[in-house]
Amino acid sequence: MTRVLAQGTFDLLHPGHVHYLREAAAMGDELHVIVARGDNVTHKDPPVVDGRQRRDVVAALDVVDNALLGHPEDIFVPVQELDPDVLVLGHDQHHEEGAIQNALDERGIDCEVVRASAREPRYEVEMLSTGAVIERILAERN
């Protein structure tokens, strides 16, 4: 059985997230998803939605077998506990594959790191990023 792990913030779920998780699920038999805790999101604006709610929405997707919140201090703790065969990074996530692979190797986690493909918009106004969703809401409501 191939265990696949995806991870991300998943703030304001959108079609780009769904594409990422479907692609990750297709790489194995089980898909586990780590949803980042708000305090751990330091590379972009913090999430708007509470972590438990983001986890619950991700868990509700049919392709997801298990969704959990990340560790408060060490992002690799749940990875070590889940012991995945494949870790799938989103196409635009800031992580560098080689650095993640090195960190996994240092911890003795035998896991392949791959990057998911991008999804092109299917129509002109389709939004595939949380930032785009937030910008549209602000523009339409102000």
C-alpha atoms as a PDB file:
ATOM      1  CA  MET A   1       0.000   0.000   0.000  1.00  0.00           C
ATOM      2  CA  THR A   2       1.386   3.407  -0.988  1.00  0.00           C
ATOM      3  CA  ARG A   3       0.808   6.176   1.538  1.00  0.00           C
ATOM      4  CA  VAL A   4       0.830   9.687   0.087  1.00  0.00           C
ATOM      5  CA  LEU A   5       1.173  12.893   2.060  1.00  0.00           C
ATOM      6  CA  ALA A   6       0.193  16.390   0.950  1.00  0.00           C
ATOM      7  CA  GLN A   7       0.465  19.501   3.031  1.00  0.00           C
ATOM      8  CA  GLY A   8      -0.514  23.142   2.873  1.00  0.00           C
ATOM      9  CA  THR A   9      -2.434  26.008   4.382  1.00  0.00           C
ATOM     10  CA  PHE A  10      -5.713  25.393   2.498  1.00  0.00           C
ATOM     11  CA  ASP A  11      -7.177  28.755   3.414  1.00  0.00           C
ATOM     12  CA  LEU A  12     -10.399  29.394   1.469  1.00  0.00           C
ATOM     13  CA  LEU A  13     -10.433  26.133  -0.463  1.00  0.00           C
ATOM     14  CA  HIS A  14     -10.460  26.664  -4.241  1.00  0.00           C
ATOM     15  CA  PRO A  15     -10.122  24.581  -7.448  1.00  0.00           C
ATOM     16  CA  GLY A  16      -6.312  24.757  -7.307  1.00  0.00           C
ATOM     17  CA  HIS A  17      -6.385  22.965  -3.947  1.00  0.00           C
ATOM     18  CA  VAL A  18      -8.778  20.339  -5.294  1.00  0.00           C
ATOM     19  CA  HIS A  19      -6.494  19.725  -8.295  1.00  0.00           C
ATOM     20  CA  TYR A  20      -3.455  19.346  -6.005  1.00  0.00           C
ATOM     21  CA  LEU A  21      -5.197  16.875  -3.699  1.00  0.00           C
ATOM     22  CA  ARG A  22      -6.694  14.828  -6.543  1.00  0.00           C
ATOM     23  CA  GLU A  23      -3.295  14.562  -8.185  1.00  0.00           C
ATOM     24  CA  ALA A  24      -1.673  13.577  -4.894  1.00  0.00           C
ATOM     25  CA  ALA A  25      -4.365  10.953  -4.222  1.00  0.00           C
ATOM     26  CA  ALA A  26      -3.751   9.404  -7.641  1.00  0.00           C
ATOM     27  CA  MET A  27      -0.132   8.714  -6.628  1.00  0.00           C
ATOM     28  CA  GLY A  28      -1.039   6.091  -4.052  1.00  0.00           C
ATOM     29  CA  ASP A  29      -3.632   4.187  -2.070  1.00  0.00           C
ATOM     30  CA  GLU A  30      -4.090   6.524   0.916  1.00  0.00           C
ATOM     31  CA  LEU A  31      -3.933  10.302   1.006  1.00  0.00           C
ATOM     32  CA  HIS A  32      -3.062  12.013   4.260  1.00  0.00           C
ATOM     33  CA  VAL A  33      -3.073  15.797   4.436  1.00  0.00           C
ATOM     34  CA  ILE A  34      -1.323  18.012   6.965  1.00  0.00           C
ATOM     35  CA  VAL A  35      -3.031  21.385   7.305  1.00  0.00           C
ATOM     36  CA  ALA A  36      -0.611  24.054   8.518  1.00  0.00           C
ATOM     37  CA  ARG A  37      -1.291  25.757  11.801  1.00  0.00           C
ATOM     38  CA  GLY A  38      -1.766  29.489  11.410  1.00  0.00           C
ATOM     39  CA  ASP A  39       1.256  30.279  13.579  1.00  0.00           C
ATOM     40  CA  ASN A  40       3.467  28.204  11.265  1.00  0.00           C
ATOM     41  CA  VAL A  41       2.472  30.140   8.147  1.00  0.00           C
ATOM     42  CA  THR A  42       5.287  32.684   7.946  1.00  0.00           C
ATOM     43  CA  HIS A  43       5.967  32.870   4.193  1.00  0.00           C
ATOM     44  CA  LYS A  44       2.724  34.677   3.349  1.00  0.00           C
ATOM     45  CA  ASP A  45      -0.191  36.387   5.045  1.00  0.00           C
ATOM     46  CA  PRO A  46      -1.646  34.269   7.853  1.00  0.00           C
ATOM     47  CA  PRO A  47      -4.763  32.241   7.060  1.00  0.00           C
ATOM     48  CA  VAL A  48      -8.151  33.880   7.453  1.00  0.00           C
ATOM     49  CA  VAL A  49      -9.896  30.672   8.506  1.00  0.00           C
ATOM     50  CA  ASP A  50      -9.147  28.840  11.784  1.00  0.00           C
ATOM     51  CA  GLY A  51      -6.979  25.739  11.463  1.00  0.00           C
ATOM     52  CA  ARG A  52      -9.603  23.307  12.725  1.00  0.00           C
ATOM     53  CA  GLN A  53     -12.102  24.564  10.165  1.00  0.00           C
ATOM     54  CA  ARG A  54      -9.534  24.331   7.344  1.00  0.00           C
ATOM     55  CA  ARG A  55      -8.734  20.766   8.446  1.00  0.00           C
ATOM     56  CA  ASP A  56     -12.412  19.814   8.562  1.00  0.00           C
ATOM     57  CA  VAL A  57     -13.070  21.178   5.055  1.00  0.00           C
ATOM     58  CA  VAL A  58     -10.050  19.311   3.632  1.00  0.00           C
ATOM     59  CA  ALA A  59     -11.135  16.130   5.445  1.00  0.00           C
ATOM     60  CA  ALA A  60     -14.570  16.391   3.809  1.00  0.00           C
ATOM     61  CA  LEU A  61     -13.097  15.920   0.331  1.00  0.00           C
ATOM     62  CA  ASP A  62     -13.624  12.404  -1.024  1.00  0.00           C
ATOM     63  CA  VAL A  63      -9.995  12.009  -2.131  1.00  0.00           C
ATOM     64  CA  VAL A  64      -8.677  12.649   1.398  1.00  0.00           C
ATOM     65  CA  ASP A  65      -8.413   9.667   3.745  1.00  0.00           C
ATOM     66  CA  ASN A  66      -7.098  11.602   6.735  1.00  0.00           C
ATOM     67  CA  ALA A  67      -6.523  15.293   7.490  1.00  0.00           C
ATOM     68  CA  LEU A  68      -4.757  16.607  10.552  1.00  0.00           C
ATOM     69  CA  LEU A  69      -3.335  19.844  11.859  1.00  0.00           C
ATOM     70  CA  GLY A  70       0.406  20.235  11.704  1.00  0.00           C
ATOM     71  CA  HIS A  71       2.650  20.161  14.753  1.00  0.00           C
ATOM     72  CA  PRO A  72       2.901  23.507  16.569  1.00  0.00           C
ATOM     73  CA  GLU A  73       6.721  23.606  16.580  1.00  0.00           C
ATOM     74  CA  ASP A  74       8.168  21.008  14.208  1.00  0.00           C
ATOM     75  CA  ILE A  75       6.565  20.497  10.807  1.00  0.00           C
ATOM     76  CA  PHE A  76       8.306  17.143  10.382  1.00  0.00           C
ATOM     77  CA  VAL A  77       6.786  15.461  13.482  1.00  0.00           C
ATOM     78  CA  PRO A  78       3.532  14.412  11.738  1.00  0.00           C
ATOM     79  CA  VAL A  79       5.500  13.409   8.638  1.00  0.00           C
ATOM     80  CA  GLN A  80       7.588  11.078  10.780  1.00  0.00           C
ATOM     81  CA  GLU A  81       4.460   9.686  12.470  1.00  0.00           C
ATOM     82  CA  LEU A  82       2.641   9.096   9.162  1.00  0.00           C
ATOM     83  CA  ASP A  83       5.745   7.605   7.483  1.00  0.00           C
ATOM     84  CA  PRO A  84       4.589   8.311   3.901  1.00  0.00           C
ATOM     85  CA  ASP A  85       6.006   6.735   0.767  1.00  0.00           C
ATOM     86  CA  VAL A  86       5.465   9.914  -1.254  1.00  0.00           C
ATOM     87  CA  LEU A  87       5.309  13.536  -0.152  1.00  0.00           C
ATOM     88  CA  VAL A  88       3.633  15.731  -2.762  1.00  0.00           C
ATOM     89  CA  LEU A  89       4.329  19.452  -2.779  1.00  0.00           C
ATOM     90  CA  GLY A  90       1.899  21.846  -4.400  1.00  0.00           C
ATOM     91  CA  HIS A  91       3.077  23.322  -7.676  1.00  0.00           C
ATOM     92  CA  ASP A  92       3.554  26.796  -6.192  1.00  0.00           C
ATOM     93  CA  GLN A  93       4.535  25.971  -2.621  1.00  0.00           C
ATOM     94  CA  HIS A  94       7.637  27.774  -1.431  1.00  0.00           C
ATOM     95  CA  HIS A  95       9.417  24.595  -0.344  1.00  0.00           C
ATOM     96  CA  GLU A  96      12.440  23.461  -2.332  1.00  0.00           C
ATOM     97  CA  GLU A  97      12.253  19.732  -3.099  1.00  0.00           C
ATOM     98  CA  GLY A  98      15.931  19.076  -2.401  1.00  0.00           C
ATOM     99  CA  ALA A  99      15.823  20.771   0.999  1.00  0.00           C
ATOM    100  CA  ILE A 100      12.732  18.801   1.991  1.00  0.00           C
ATOM    101  CA  GLN A 101      14.326  15.563   0.769  1.00  0.00           C
ATOM    102  CA  ASN A 102      17.479  16.307   2.807  1.00  0.00           C
ATOM    103  CA  ALA A 103      15.439  17.033   5.949  1.00  0.00           C
ATOM    104  CA  LEU A 104      13.519  13.755   5.508  1.00  0.00           C
ATOM    105  CA  ASP A 105      16.753  11.815   4.947  1.00  0.00           C
ATOM    106  CA  GLU A 106      18.308  13.349   8.082  1.00  0.00           C
ATOM    107  CA  ARG A 107      15.321  12.091  10.090  1.00  0.00           C
ATOM    108  CA  GLY A 108      15.452   8.625   8.554  1.00  0.00           C
ATOM    109  CA  ILE A 109      12.168   9.064   6.687  1.00  0.00           C
ATOM    110  CA  ASP A 110      12.339   7.032   3.468  1.00  0.00           C
ATOM    111  CA  CYS A 111      10.038   9.084   1.277  1.00  0.00           C
ATOM    112  CA  GLU A 112      10.063  10.359  -2.288  1.00  0.00           C
ATOM    113  CA  VAL A 113       9.401  14.098  -2.711  1.00  0.00           C
ATOM    114  CA  VAL A 114       7.542  15.146  -5.864  1.00  0.00           C
ATOM    115  CA  ARG A 115       5.857  18.330  -7.010  1.00  0.00           C
ATOM    116  CA  ALA A 116       2.276  18.415  -8.273  1.00  0.00           C
ATOM    117  CA  SER A 117       1.476  20.008 -11.590  1.00  0.00           C
ATOM    118  CA  ALA A 118      -0.133  23.386 -12.018  1.00  0.00           C
ATOM    119  CA  ARG A 119      -3.752  23.641 -13.062  1.00  0.00           C
ATOM    120  CA  GLU A 120      -4.624  26.188 -15.684  1.00  0.00           C
ATOM    121  CA  PRO A 121      -7.845  28.164 -15.239  1.00  0.00           C
ATOM    122  CA  ARG A 122     -10.716  26.602 -17.167  1.00  0.00           C
ATOM    123  CA  TYR A 123     -12.470  29.908 -17.756  1.00  0.00           C
ATOM    124  CA  GLU A 124     -11.461  33.548 -17.613  1.00  0.00           C
ATOM    125  CA  VAL A 125     -12.577  34.439 -14.080  1.00  0.00           C
ATOM    126  CA  GLU A 126     -11.698  31.164 -12.338  1.00  0.00           C
ATOM    127  CA  MET A 127      -9.526  31.808  -9.287  1.00  0.00           C
ATOM    128  CA  LEU A 128      -6.833  29.299  -8.367  1.00  0.00           C
ATOM    129  CA  SER A 129      -5.238  30.994  -5.387  1.00  0.00           C
ATOM    130  CA  THR A 130      -6.449  32.131  -1.990  1.00  0.00           C
ATOM    131  CA  GLY A 131      -4.855  35.517  -2.589  1.00  0.00           C
ATOM    132  CA  ALA A 132      -6.940  35.960  -5.747  1.00  0.00           C
ATOM    133  CA  VAL A 133     -10.119  34.992  -3.875  1.00  0.00           C
ATOM    134  CA  ILE A 134      -9.392  37.498  -1.099  1.00  0.00           C
ATOM    135  CA  GLU A 135      -8.539  40.257  -3.592  1.00  0.00           C
ATOM    136  CA  ARG A 136     -11.788  39.646  -5.475  1.00  0.00           C
ATOM    137  CA  ILE A 137     -13.824  39.732  -2.246  1.00  0.00           C
ATOM    138  CA  LEU A 138     -12.212  42.991  -1.178  1.00  0.00           C
ATOM    139  CA  ALA A 139     -12.704  44.558  -4.603  1.00  0.00           C
ATOM    140  CA  GLU A 140     -16.339  43.477  -4.830  1.00  0.00           C
ATOM    141  CA  ARG A 141     -17.269  44.420  -1.262  1.00  0.00           C
ATOM    142  CA  ASN A 142     -15.517  47.796  -0.948  1.00  0.00           C
END
